[in-house]
Amino acid sequence: ETGEVFALRGAGFASVQFHLESILSADGIDLLAELVTGALAPVHDRR
């Protein structure tokens, strides 16, 4: 409804507005692993 952005991702990058590392982020370490793995994954048409 408001358009407030919580996260971005694309070829070789990701970003989050929240704190994956916080005690308030219930699945923080799993989300971090997922986003980092995605950012590091080879993408043939990245350029």
ModelCIF file with pLDDT and N, C-alpha, C, O atoms, coordinates in Angstrom:
data_MODEL
#
_entry.id   MODEL 
#
_entity.id                         1 
_entity.type                       polymer 
_entity.pdbx_number_of_molecules   1 
#
_entity_poly.entity_id                      1 
_entity_poly.type                           'polypeptide(L)' 
_entity_poly.nstd_linkage                   no 
_entity_poly.nstd_monomer                   no 
_entity_poly.pdbx_seq_one_letter_code       ETGEVFALRGAGFASVQFHLESILSADGIDLLAELVTGALAPVHDRR 
_entity_poly.pdbx_seq_one_letter_code_can   ETGEVFALRGAGFASVQFHLESILSADGIDLLAELVTGALAPVHDRR 
_entity_poly.pdbx_strand_id                 A 
#
loop_
_entity_poly_seq.entity_id 
_entity_poly_seq.num 
_entity_poly_seq.mon_id 
_entity_poly_seq.hetero 
1 1  GLU n 
1 2  THR n 
1 3  GLY n 
1 4  GLU n 
1 5  VAL n 
1 6  PHE n 
1 7  ALA n 
1 8  LEU n 
1 9  ARG n 
1 10 GLY n 
1 11 ALA n 
1 12 GLY n 
1 13 PHE n 
1 14 ALA n 
1 15 SER n 
1 16 VAL n 
1 17 GLN n 
1 18 PHE n 
1 19 HIS n 
1 20 LEU n 
1 21 GLU n 
1 22 SER n 
1 23 ILE n 
1 24 LEU n 
1 25 SER n 
1 26 ALA n 
1 27 ASP n 
1 28 GLY n 
1 29 ILE n 
1 30 ASP n 
1 31 LEU n 
1 32 LEU n 
1 33 ALA n 
1 34 GLU n 
1 35 LEU n 
1 36 VAL n 
1 37 THR n 
1 38 GLY n 
1 39 ALA n 
1 40 LEU n 
1 41 ALA n 
1 42 PRO n 
1 43 VAL n 
1 44 HIS n 
1 45 ASP n 
1 46 ARG n 
1 47 ARG n 
#
_struct_asym.id          A 
_struct_asym.entity_id   1 
#
loop_
_ma_qa_metric.id 
_ma_qa_metric.mode 
_ma_qa_metric.name 
_ma_qa_metric.software_group_id 
_ma_qa_metric.type 
1 global pLDDT . pLDDT 
2 local  pLDDT . pLDDT 
#
_ma_qa_metric_global.metric_id      1 
_ma_qa_metric_global.metric_value   91.40 
_ma_qa_metric_global.model_id       1 
_ma_qa_metric_global.ordinal_id     1 
#
loop_
_ma_qa_metric_local.label_asym_id 
_ma_qa_metric_local.label_comp_id 
_ma_qa_metric_local.label_seq_id 
_ma_qa_metric_local.metric_id 
_ma_qa_metric_local.metric_value 
_ma_qa_metric_local.model_id 
_ma_qa_metric_local.ordinal_id 
A GLU 1  2 95.00 1 1  
A THR 2  2 96.00 1 2  
A GLY 3  2 97.00 1 3  
A GLU 4  2 98.00 1 4  
A VAL 5  2 98.00 1 5  
A PHE 6  2 98.00 1 6  
A ALA 7  2 98.00 1 7  
A LEU 8  2 98.00 1 8  
A ARG 9  2 97.00 1 9  
A GLY 10 2 96.00 1 10 
A ALA 11 2 94.00 1 11 
A GLY 12 2 95.00 1 12 
A PHE 13 2 97.00 1 13 
A ALA 14 2 98.00 1 14 
A SER 15 2 98.00 1 15 
A VAL 16 2 98.00 1 16 
A GLN 17 2 98.00 1 17 
A PHE 18 2 98.00 1 18 
A HIS 19 2 98.00 1 19 
A LEU 20 2 97.00 1 20 
A GLU 21 2 97.00 1 21 
A SER 22 2 98.00 1 22 
A ILE 23 2 98.00 1 23 
A LEU 24 2 98.00 1 24 
A SER 25 2 98.00 1 25 
A ALA 26 2 96.00 1 26 
A ASP 27 2 95.00 1 27 
A GLY 28 2 96.00 1 28 
A ILE 29 2 96.00 1 29 
A ASP 30 2 95.00 1 30 
A LEU 31 2 97.00 1 31 
A LEU 32 2 97.00 1 32 
A ALA 33 2 96.00 1 33 
A GLU 34 2 96.00 1 34 
A LEU 35 2 97.00 1 35 
A VAL 36 2 97.00 1 36 
A THR 37 2 95.00 1 37 
A GLY 38 2 94.00 1 38 
A ALA 39 2 95.00 1 39 
A LEU 40 2 94.00 1 40 
A ALA 41 2 89.00 1 41 
A PRO 42 2 81.00 1 42 
A VAL 43 2 61.00 1 43 
A HIS 44 2 50.00 1 44 
A ASP 45 2 48.00 1 45 
A ARG 46 2 48.00 1 46 
A ARG 47 2 52.00 1 47 
#
loop_
_atom_site.group_PDB 
_atom_site.id 
_atom_site.type_symbol 
_atom_site.label_atom_id 
_atom_site.label_alt_id 
_atom_site.label_comp_id 
_atom_site.label_asym_id 
_atom_site.label_entity_id 
_atom_site.label_seq_id 
_atom_site.pdbx_PDB_ins_code 
_atom_site.Cartn_x 
_atom_site.Cartn_y 
_atom_site.Cartn_z 
_atom_site.occupancy 
_atom_site.B_iso_or_equiv 
_atom_site.pdbx_formal_charge 
_atom_site.auth_seq_id 
_atom_site.auth_comp_id 
_atom_site.auth_asym_id 
_atom_site.auth_atom_id 
_atom_site.pdbx_PDB_model_num 
ATOM 1   N N  . GLU A 1 1  ? 0.815  -1.218  0.000   1.00 95.00 ? 1  GLU A N  1 
ATOM 2   C CA . GLU A 1 1  ? 0.000  0.000   0.000   1.00 95.00 ? 1  GLU A CA 1 
ATOM 3   C C  . GLU A 1 1  ? 0.845  1.263   0.000   1.00 95.00 ? 1  GLU A C  1 
ATOM 4   O O  . GLU A 1 1  ? 0.582  2.173   -0.786  1.00 95.00 ? 1  GLU A O  1 
ATOM 5   N N  . THR A 1 2  ? 1.852  1.340   0.861   1.00 96.00 ? 2  THR A N  1 
ATOM 6   C CA . THR A 1 2  ? 2.636  2.574   0.979   1.00 96.00 ? 2  THR A CA 1 
ATOM 7   C C  . THR A 1 2  ? 3.814  2.625   0.009   1.00 96.00 ? 2  THR A C  1 
ATOM 8   O O  . THR A 1 2  ? 4.342  3.703   -0.264  1.00 96.00 ? 2  THR A O  1 
ATOM 9   N N  . GLY A 1 3  ? 4.227  1.484   -0.508  1.00 97.00 ? 3  GLY A N  1 
ATOM 10  C CA . GLY A 1 3  ? 5.399  1.453   -1.382  1.00 97.00 ? 3  GLY A CA 1 
ATOM 11  C C  . GLY A 1 3  ? 6.720  1.471   -0.634  1.00 97.00 ? 3  GLY A C  1 
ATOM 12  O O  . GLY A 1 3  ? 7.774  1.518   -1.269  1.00 97.00 ? 3  GLY A O  1 
ATOM 13  N N  . GLU A 1 4  ? 6.702  1.437   0.697   1.00 98.00 ? 4  GLU A N  1 
ATOM 14  C CA . GLU A 1 4  ? 7.938  1.413   1.472   1.00 98.00 ? 4  GLU A CA 1 
ATOM 15  C C  . GLU A 1 4  ? 8.778  0.204   1.060   1.00 98.00 ? 4  GLU A C  1 
ATOM 16  O O  . GLU A 1 4  ? 8.294  -0.927  1.075   1.00 98.00 ? 4  GLU A O  1 
ATOM 17  N N  . VAL A 1 5  ? 10.028 0.445   0.697   1.00 98.00 ? 5  VAL A N  1 
ATOM 18  C CA . VAL A 1 5  ? 10.888 -0.607  0.154   1.00 98.00 ? 5  VAL A CA 1 
ATOM 19  C C  . VAL A 1 5  ? 11.592 -1.334  1.290   1.00 98.00 ? 5  VAL A C  1 
ATOM 20  O O  . VAL A 1 5  ? 12.235 -0.717  2.139   1.00 98.00 ? 5  VAL A O  1 
ATOM 21  N N  . PHE A 1 6  ? 11.458 -2.659  1.291   1.00 98.00 ? 6  PHE A N  1 
ATOM 22  C CA . PHE A 1 6  ? 12.086 -3.486  2.311   1.00 98.00 ? 6  PHE A CA 1 
ATOM 23  C C  . PHE A 1 6  ? 13.371 -4.145  1.821   1.00 98.00 ? 6  PHE A C  1 
ATOM 24  O O  . PHE A 1 6  ? 14.277 -4.397  2.616   1.00 98.00 ? 6  PHE A O  1 
ATOM 25  N N  . ALA A 1 7  ? 13.461 -4.428  0.519   1.00 98.00 ? 7  ALA A N  1 
ATOM 26  C CA . ALA A 1 7  ? 14.644 -5.121  0.005   1.00 98.00 ? 7  ALA A CA 1 
ATOM 27  C C  . ALA A 1 7  ? 14.713 -4.961  -1.508  1.00 98.00 ? 7  ALA A C  1 
ATOM 28  O O  . ALA A 1 7  ? 13.709 -4.707  -2.174  1.00 98.00 ? 7  ALA A O  1 
ATOM 29  N N  . LEU A 1 8  ? 15.916 -5.115  -2.028  1.00 98.00 ? 8  LEU A N  1 
ATOM 30  C CA . LEU A 1 8  ? 16.183 -5.111  -3.472  1.00 98.00 ? 8  LEU A CA 1 
ATOM 31  C C  . LEU A 1 8  ? 17.067 -6.307  -3.801  1.00 98.00 ? 8  LEU A C  1 
ATOM 32  O O  . LEU A 1 8  ? 17.850 -6.758  -2.965  1.00 98.00 ? 8  LEU A O  1 
ATOM 33  N N  . ARG A 1 9  ? 16.938 -6.817  -5.025  1.00 97.00 ? 9  ARG A N  1 
ATOM 34  C CA . ARG A 1 9  ? 17.905 -7.796  -5.501  1.00 97.00 ? 9  ARG A CA 1 
ATOM 35  C C  . ARG A 1 9  ? 17.945 -7.767  -7.015  1.00 97.00 ? 9  ARG A C  1 
ATOM 36  O O  . ARG A 1 9  ? 16.998 -7.357  -7.686  1.00 97.00 ? 9  ARG A O  1 
ATOM 37  N N  . GLY A 1 10 ? 19.069 -8.213  -7.519  1.00 96.00 ? 10 GLY A N  1 
ATOM 38  C CA . GLY A 1 10 ? 19.276 -8.254  -8.956  1.00 96.00 ? 10 GLY A CA 1 
ATOM 39  C C  . GLY A 1 10 ? 20.511 -9.077  -9.253  1.00 96.00 ? 10 GLY A C  1 
ATOM 40  O O  . GLY A 1 10 ? 20.970 -9.841  -8.404  1.00 96.00 ? 10 GLY A O  1 
ATOM 41  N N  . ALA A 1 11 ? 21.045 -8.932  -10.432 1.00 94.00 ? 11 ALA A N  1 
ATOM 42  C CA . ALA A 1 11 ? 22.196 -9.721  -10.843 1.00 94.00 ? 11 ALA A CA 1 
ATOM 43  C C  . ALA A 1 11 ? 23.434 -9.279  -10.073 1.00 94.00 ? 11 ALA A C  1 
ATOM 44  O O  . ALA A 1 11 ? 24.011 -8.230  -10.359 1.00 94.00 ? 11 ALA A O  1 
ATOM 45  N N  . GLY A 1 12 ? 23.836 -10.082 -9.099  1.00 95.00 ? 12 GLY A N  1 
ATOM 46  C CA . GLY A 1 12 ? 25.065 -9.801  -8.359  1.00 95.00 ? 12 GLY A CA 1 
ATOM 47  C C  . GLY A 1 12 ? 24.914 -8.818  -7.220  1.00 95.00 ? 12 GLY A C  1 
ATOM 48  O O  . GLY A 1 12 ? 25.924 -8.389  -6.662  1.00 95.00 ? 12 GLY A O  1 
ATOM 49  N N  . PHE A 1 13 ? 23.700 -8.439  -6.846  1.00 97.00 ? 13 PHE A N  1 
ATOM 50  C CA . PHE A 1 13 ? 23.545 -7.521  -5.714  1.00 97.00 ? 13 PHE A CA 1 
ATOM 51  C C  . PHE A 1 13 ? 22.240 -7.820  -4.975  1.00 97.00 ? 13 PHE A C  1 
ATOM 52  O O  . PHE A 1 13 ? 21.304 -8.397  -5.529  1.00 97.00 ? 13 PHE A O  1 
ATOM 53  N N  . ALA A 1 14 ? 22.211 -7.410  -3.718  1.00 98.00 ? 14 ALA A N  1 
ATOM 54  C CA . ALA A 1 14 ? 21.003 -7.482  -2.897  1.00 98.00 ? 14 ALA A CA 1 
ATOM 55  C C  . ALA A 1 14 ? 21.138 -6.430  -1.809  1.00 98.00 ? 14 ALA A C  1 
ATOM 56  O O  . ALA A 1 14 ? 22.244 -6.013  -1.464  1.00 98.00 ? 14 ALA A O  1 
ATOM 57  N N  . SER A 1 15 ? 20.001 -6.007  -1.274  1.00 98.00 ? 15 SER A N  1 
ATOM 58  C CA . SER A 1 15 ? 20.031 -5.056  -0.163  1.00 98.00 ? 15 SER A CA 1 
ATOM 59  C C  . SER A 1 15 ? 18.779 -5.228  0.670   1.00 98.00 ? 15 SER A C  1 
ATOM 60  O O  . SER A 1 15 ? 17.737 -5.657  0.174   1.00 98.00 ? 15 SER A O  1 
ATOM 61  N N  . VAL A 1 16 ? 18.898 -4.881  1.966   1.00 98.00 ? 16 VAL A N  1 
ATOM 62  C CA . VAL A 1 16 ? 17.759 -4.974  2.879   1.00 98.00 ? 16 VAL A CA 1 
ATOM 63  C C  . VAL A 1 16 ? 17.697 -3.723  3.738   1.00 98.00 ? 16 VAL A C  1 
ATOM 64  O O  . VAL A 1 16 ? 18.725 -3.182  4.145   1.00 98.00 ? 16 VAL A O  1 
ATOM 65  N N  . GLN A 1 17 ? 16.487 -3.272  4.008   1.00 98.00 ? 17 GLN A N  1 
ATOM 66  C CA . GLN A 1 17 ? 16.286 -2.141  4.903   1.00 98.00 ? 17 GLN A CA 1 
ATOM 67  C C  . GLN A 1 17 ? 16.391 -2.561  6.358   1.00 98.00 ? 17 GLN A C  1 
ATOM 68  O O  . GLN A 1 17 ? 16.777 -1.760  7.209   1.00 98.00 ? 17 GLN A O  1 
ATOM 69  N N  . PHE A 1 18 ? 16.052 -3.801  6.650   1.00 98.00 ? 18 PHE A N  1 
ATOM 70  C CA . PHE A 1 18 ? 16.053 -4.310  8.022   1.00 98.00 ? 18 PHE A CA 1 
ATOM 71  C C  . PHE A 1 18 ? 17.422 -4.883  8.374   1.00 98.00 ? 18 PHE A C  1 
ATOM 72  O O  . PHE A 1 18 ? 18.353 -4.861  7.568   1.00 98.00 ? 18 PHE A O  1 
ATOM 73  N N  . HIS A 1 19 ? 17.520 -5.403  9.612   1.00 98.00 ? 19 HIS A N  1 
ATOM 74  C CA . HIS A 1 19 ? 18.802 -5.921  10.104  1.00 98.00 ? 19 HIS A CA 1 
ATOM 75  C C  . HIS A 1 19 ? 18.737 -7.439  10.223  1.00 98.00 ? 19 HIS A C  1 
ATOM 76  O O  . HIS A 1 19 ? 18.143 -7.977  11.157  1.00 98.00 ? 19 HIS A O  1 
ATOM 77  N N  . LEU A 1 20 ? 19.352 -8.115  9.270   1.00 97.00 ? 20 LEU A N  1 
ATOM 78  C CA . LEU A 1 20 ? 19.411 -9.573  9.273   1.00 97.00 ? 20 LEU A CA 1 
ATOM 79  C C  . LEU A 1 20 ? 20.077 -10.091 10.543  1.00 97.00 ? 20 LEU A C  1 
ATOM 80  O O  . LEU A 1 20 ? 19.758 -11.181 11.018  1.00 97.00 ? 20 LEU A O  1 
ATOM 81  N N  . GLU A 1 21 ? 21.001 -9.310  11.089  1.00 97.00 ? 21 GLU A N  1 
ATOM 82  C CA . GLU A 1 21 ? 21.811 -9.722  12.224  1.00 97.00 ? 21 GLU A CA 1 
ATOM 83  C C  . GLU A 1 21 ? 21.115 -9.490  13.565  1.00 97.00 ? 21 GLU A C  1 
ATOM 84  O O  . GLU A 1 21 ? 21.590 -9.983  14.588  1.00 97.00 ? 21 GLU A O  1 
ATOM 85  N N  . SER A 1 22 ? 20.012 -8.757  13.588  1.00 98.00 ? 22 SER A N  1 
ATOM 86  C CA . SER A 1 22 ? 19.333 -8.397  14.833  1.00 98.00 ? 22 SER A CA 1 
ATOM 87  C C  . SER A 1 22 ? 18.684 -9.609  15.491  1.00 98.00 ? 22 SER A C  1 
ATOM 88  O O  . SER A 1 22 ? 18.273 -10.554 14.818  1.00 98.00 ? 22 SER A O  1 
ATOM 89  N N  . ILE A 1 23 ? 18.601 -9.563  16.822  1.00 98.00 ? 23 ILE A N  1 
ATOM 90  C CA . ILE A 1 23 ? 17.855 -10.600 17.534  1.00 98.00 ? 23 ILE A CA 1 
ATOM 91  C C  . ILE A 1 23 ? 16.379 -10.555 17.169  1.00 98.00 ? 23 ILE A C  1 
ATOM 92  O O  . ILE A 1 23 ? 15.656 -11.521 17.412  1.00 98.00 ? 23 ILE A O  1 
ATOM 93  N N  . LEU A 1 24 ? 15.914 -9.447  16.586  1.00 98.00 ? 24 LEU A N  1 
ATOM 94  C CA . LEU A 1 24 ? 14.530 -9.299  16.172  1.00 98.00 ? 24 LEU A CA 1 
ATOM 95  C C  . LEU A 1 24 ? 14.230 -9.969  14.837  1.00 98.00 ? 24 LEU A C  1 
ATOM 96  O O  . LEU A 1 24 ? 13.063 -10.096 14.469  1.00 98.00 ? 24 LEU A O  1 
ATOM 97  N N  . SER A 1 25 ? 15.254 -10.400 14.101  1.00 98.00 ? 25 SER A N  1 
ATOM 98  C CA . SER A 1 25 ? 15.058 -11.043 12.793  1.00 98.00 ? 25 SER A CA 1 
ATOM 99  C C  . SER A 1 25 ? 15.077 -12.556 12.978  1.00 98.00 ? 25 SER A C  1 
ATOM 100 O O  . SER A 1 25 ? 16.138 -13.172 13.077  1.00 98.00 ? 25 SER A O  1 
ATOM 101 N N  . ALA A 1 26 ? 13.885 -13.138 13.023  1.00 96.00 ? 26 ALA A N  1 
ATOM 102 C CA . ALA A 1 26 ? 13.752 -14.537 13.425  1.00 96.00 ? 26 ALA A CA 1 
ATOM 103 C C  . ALA A 1 26 ? 14.560 -15.477 12.541  1.00 96.00 ? 26 ALA A C  1 
ATOM 104 O O  . ALA A 1 26 ? 15.173 -16.418 13.045  1.00 96.00 ? 26 ALA A O  1 
ATOM 105 N N  . ASP A 1 27 ? 14.572 -15.240 11.237  1.00 95.00 ? 27 ASP A N  1 
ATOM 106 C CA . ASP A 1 27 ? 15.294 -16.108 10.300  1.00 95.00 ? 27 ASP A CA 1 
ATOM 107 C C  . ASP A 1 27 ? 16.499 -15.397 9.699   1.00 95.00 ? 27 ASP A C  1 
ATOM 108 O O  . ASP A 1 27 ? 16.872 -15.645 8.553   1.00 95.00 ? 27 ASP A O  1 
ATOM 109 N N  . GLY A 1 28 ? 17.102 -14.510 10.485  1.00 96.00 ? 28 GLY A N  1 
ATOM 110 C CA . GLY A 1 28 ? 18.123 -13.627 9.939   1.00 96.00 ? 28 GLY A CA 1 
ATOM 111 C C  . GLY A 1 28 ? 19.290 -14.341 9.281   1.00 96.00 ? 28 GLY A C  1 
ATOM 112 O O  . GLY A 1 28 ? 19.678 -13.984 8.168   1.00 96.00 ? 28 GLY A O  1 
ATOM 113 N N  . ILE A 1 29 ? 19.856 -15.340 9.940   1.00 96.00 ? 29 ILE A N  1 
ATOM 114 C CA . ILE A 1 29 ? 21.048 -15.985 9.381   1.00 96.00 ? 29 ILE A CA 1 
ATOM 115 C C  . ILE A 1 29 ? 20.706 -16.750 8.105   1.00 96.00 ? 29 ILE A C  1 
ATOM 116 O O  . ILE A 1 29 ? 21.523 -16.804 7.186   1.00 96.00 ? 29 ILE A O  1 
ATOM 117 N N  . ASP A 1 30 ? 19.508 -17.344 8.031   1.00 95.00 ? 30 ASP A N  1 
ATOM 118 C CA . ASP A 1 30 ? 19.111 -18.058 6.813   1.00 95.00 ? 30 ASP A CA 1 
ATOM 119 C C  . ASP A 1 30 ? 18.863 -17.082 5.664   1.00 95.00 ? 30 ASP A C  1 
ATOM 120 O O  . ASP A 1 30 ? 19.238 -17.352 4.523   1.00 95.00 ? 30 ASP A O  1 
ATOM 121 N N  . LEU A 1 31 ? 18.230 -15.946 5.968   1.00 97.00 ? 31 LEU A N  1 
ATOM 122 C CA . LEU A 1 31 ? 18.024 -14.931 4.933   1.00 97.00 ? 31 LEU A CA 1 
ATOM 123 C C  . LEU A 1 31 ? 19.356 -14.375 4.448   1.00 97.00 ? 31 LEU A C  1 
ATOM 124 O O  . LEU A 1 31 ? 19.544 -14.153 3.252   1.00 97.00 ? 31 LEU A O  1 
ATOM 125 N N  . LEU A 1 32 ? 20.282 -14.151 5.383   1.00 97.00 ? 32 LEU A N  1 
ATOM 126 C CA . LEU A 1 32 ? 21.603 -13.652 5.006   1.00 97.00 ? 32 LEU A CA 1 
ATOM 127 C C  . LEU A 1 32 ? 22.292 -14.643 4.075   1.00 97.00 ? 32 LEU A C  1 
ATOM 128 O O  . LEU A 1 32 ? 22.843 -14.246 3.049   1.00 97.00 ? 32 LEU A O  1 
ATOM 129 N N  . ALA A 1 33 ? 22.266 -15.912 4.418   1.00 96.00 ? 33 ALA A N  1 
ATOM 130 C CA . ALA A 1 33 ? 22.893 -16.925 3.571   1.00 96.00 ? 33 ALA A CA 1 
ATOM 131 C C  . ALA A 1 33 ? 22.271 -16.940 2.185   1.00 96.00 ? 33 ALA A C  1 
ATOM 132 O O  . ALA A 1 33 ? 22.978 -17.060 1.184   1.00 96.00 ? 33 ALA A O  1 
ATOM 133 N N  . GLU A 1 34 ? 20.962 -16.818 2.123   1.00 96.00 ? 34 GLU A N  1 
ATOM 134 C CA . GLU A 1 34 ? 20.257 -16.842 0.842   1.00 96.00 ? 34 GLU A CA 1 
ATOM 135 C C  . GLU A 1 34 ? 20.633 -15.634 -0.016  1.00 96.00 ? 34 GLU A C  1 
ATOM 136 O O  . GLU A 1 34 ? 20.906 -15.779 -1.208  1.00 96.00 ? 34 GLU A O  1 
ATOM 137 N N  . LEU A 1 35 ? 20.648 -14.451 0.583   1.00 97.00 ? 35 LEU A N  1 
ATOM 138 C CA . LEU A 1 35 ? 20.946 -13.241 -0.190  1.00 97.00 ? 35 LEU A CA 1 
ATOM 139 C C  . LEU A 1 35 ? 22.400 -13.210 -0.651  1.00 97.00 ? 35 LEU A C  1 
ATOM 140 O O  . LEU A 1 35 ? 22.690 -12.824 -1.783  1.00 97.00 ? 35 LEU A O  1 
ATOM 141 N N  . VAL A 1 36 ? 23.319 -13.620 0.236   1.00 97.00 ? 36 VAL A N  1 
ATOM 142 C CA . VAL A 1 36 ? 24.734 -13.630 -0.144  1.00 97.00 ? 36 VAL A CA 1 
ATOM 143 C C  . VAL A 1 36 ? 24.986 -14.677 -1.225  1.00 97.00 ? 36 VAL A C  1 
ATOM 144 O O  . VAL A 1 36 ? 25.717 -14.416 -2.181  1.00 97.00 ? 36 VAL A O  1 
ATOM 145 N N  . THR A 1 37 ? 24.394 -15.849 -1.084  1.00 95.00 ? 37 THR A N  1 
ATOM 146 C CA . THR A 1 37 ? 24.559 -16.893 -2.102  1.00 95.00 ? 37 THR A CA 1 
ATOM 147 C C  . THR A 1 37 ? 24.048 -16.412 -3.450  1.00 95.00 ? 37 THR A C  1 
ATOM 148 O O  . THR A 1 37 ? 24.673 -16.653 -4.483  1.00 95.00 ? 37 THR A O  1 
ATOM 149 N N  . GLY A 1 38 ? 22.904 -15.729 -3.434  1.00 94.00 ? 38 GLY A N  1 
ATOM 150 C CA . GLY A 1 38 ? 22.364 -15.198 -4.681  1.00 94.00 ? 38 GLY A CA 1 
ATOM 151 C C  . GLY A 1 38 ? 23.255 -14.138 -5.297  1.00 94.00 ? 38 GLY A C  1 
ATOM 152 O O  . GLY A 1 38 ? 23.442 -14.115 -6.514  1.00 94.00 ? 38 GLY A O  1 
ATOM 153 N N  . ALA A 1 39 ? 23.815 -13.247 -4.462  1.00 95.00 ? 39 ALA A N  1 
ATOM 154 C CA . ALA A 1 39 ? 24.692 -12.195 -4.979  1.00 95.00 ? 39 ALA A CA 1 
ATOM 155 C C  . ALA A 1 39 ? 25.973 -12.771 -5.563  1.00 95.00 ? 39 ALA A C  1 
ATOM 156 O O  . ALA A 1 39 ? 26.518 -12.233 -6.527  1.00 95.00 ? 39 ALA A O  1 
ATOM 157 N N  . LEU A 1 40 ? 26.457 -13.871 -4.976  1.00 94.00 ? 40 LEU A N  1 
ATOM 158 C CA . LEU A 1 40 ? 27.711 -14.472 -5.429  1.00 94.00 ? 40 LEU A CA 1 
ATOM 159 C C  . LEU A 1 40 ? 27.528 -15.432 -6.592  1.00 94.00 ? 40 LEU A C  1 
ATOM 160 O O  . LEU A 1 40 ? 28.508 -15.803 -7.239  1.00 94.00 ? 40 LEU A O  1 
ATOM 161 N N  . ALA A 1 41 ? 26.291 -15.844 -6.874  1.00 89.00 ? 41 ALA A N  1 
ATOM 162 C CA . ALA A 1 41 ? 26.052 -16.841 -7.912  1.00 89.00 ? 41 ALA A CA 1 
ATOM 163 C C  . ALA A 1 41 ? 26.432 -16.273 -9.278  1.00 89.00 ? 41 ALA A C  1 
ATOM 164 O O  . ALA A 1 41 ? 26.156 -15.108 -9.563  1.00 89.00 ? 41 ALA A O  1 
ATOM 165 N N  . PRO A 1 42 ? 27.061 -17.085 -10.118 1.00 81.00 ? 42 PRO A N  1 
ATOM 166 C CA . PRO A 1 42 ? 27.408 -16.611 -11.462 1.00 81.00 ? 42 PRO A CA 1 
ATOM 167 C C  . PRO A 1 42 ? 26.150 -16.372 -12.299 1.00 81.00 ? 42 PRO A C  1 
ATOM 168 O O  . PRO A 1 42 ? 25.236 -17.197 -12.305 1.00 81.00 ? 42 PRO A O  1 
ATOM 169 N N  . VAL A 1 43 ? 26.113 -15.267 -12.987 1.00 61.00 ? 43 VAL A N  1 
ATOM 170 C CA . VAL A 1 43 ? 24.995 -14.927 -13.862 1.00 61.00 ? 43 VAL A CA 1 
ATOM 171 C C  . VAL A 1 43 ? 25.574 -14.615 -15.234 1.00 61.00 ? 43 VAL A C  1 
ATOM 172 O O  . VAL A 1 43 ? 26.305 -13.638 -15.393 1.00 61.00 ? 43 VAL A O  1 
ATOM 173 N N  . HIS A 1 44 ? 25.249 -15.445 -16.229 1.00 50.00 ? 44 HIS A N  1 
ATOM 174 C CA . HIS A 1 44 ? 25.896 -15.331 -17.540 1.00 50.00 ? 44 HIS A CA 1 
ATOM 175 C C  . HIS A 1 44 ? 25.598 -14.007 -18.227 1.00 50.00 ? 44 HIS A C  1 
ATOM 176 O O  . HIS A 1 44 ? 26.457 -13.459 -18.918 1.00 50.00 ? 44 HIS A O  1 
ATOM 177 N N  . ASP A 1 45 ? 24.390 -13.491 -18.043 1.00 48.00 ? 45 ASP A N  1 
ATOM 178 C CA . ASP A 1 45 ? 24.047 -12.237 -18.725 1.00 48.00 ? 45 ASP A CA 1 
ATOM 179 C C  . ASP A 1 45 ? 24.094 -11.055 -17.759 1.00 48.00 ? 45 ASP A C  1 
ATOM 180 O O  . ASP A 1 45 ? 23.377 -10.071 -17.946 1.00 48.00 ? 45 ASP A O  1 
ATOM 181 N N  . ARG A 1 46 ? 24.961 -11.150 -16.699 1.00 48.00 ? 46 ARG A N  1 
ATOM 182 C CA . ARG A 1 46 ? 25.004 -10.094 -15.686 1.00 48.00 ? 46 ARG A CA 1 
ATOM 183 C C  . ARG A 1 46 ? 25.307 -8.730  -16.295 1.00 48.00 ? 46 ARG A C  1 
ATOM 184 O O  . ARG A 1 46 ? 24.687 -7.730  -15.932 1.00 48.00 ? 46 ARG A O  1 
ATOM 185 N N  . ARG A 1 47 ? 26.265 -8.691  -17.223 1.00 52.00 ? 47 ARG A N  1 
ATOM 186 C CA . ARG A 1 47 ? 26.634 -7.386  -17.777 1.00 52.00 ? 47 ARG A CA 1 
ATOM 187 C C  . ARG A 1 47 ? 25.478 -6.770  -18.552 1.00 52.00 ? 47 ARG A C  1 
ATOM 188 O O  . ARG A 1 47 ? 25.611 -5.670  -19.089 1.00 52.00 ? 47 ARG A O  1 
#
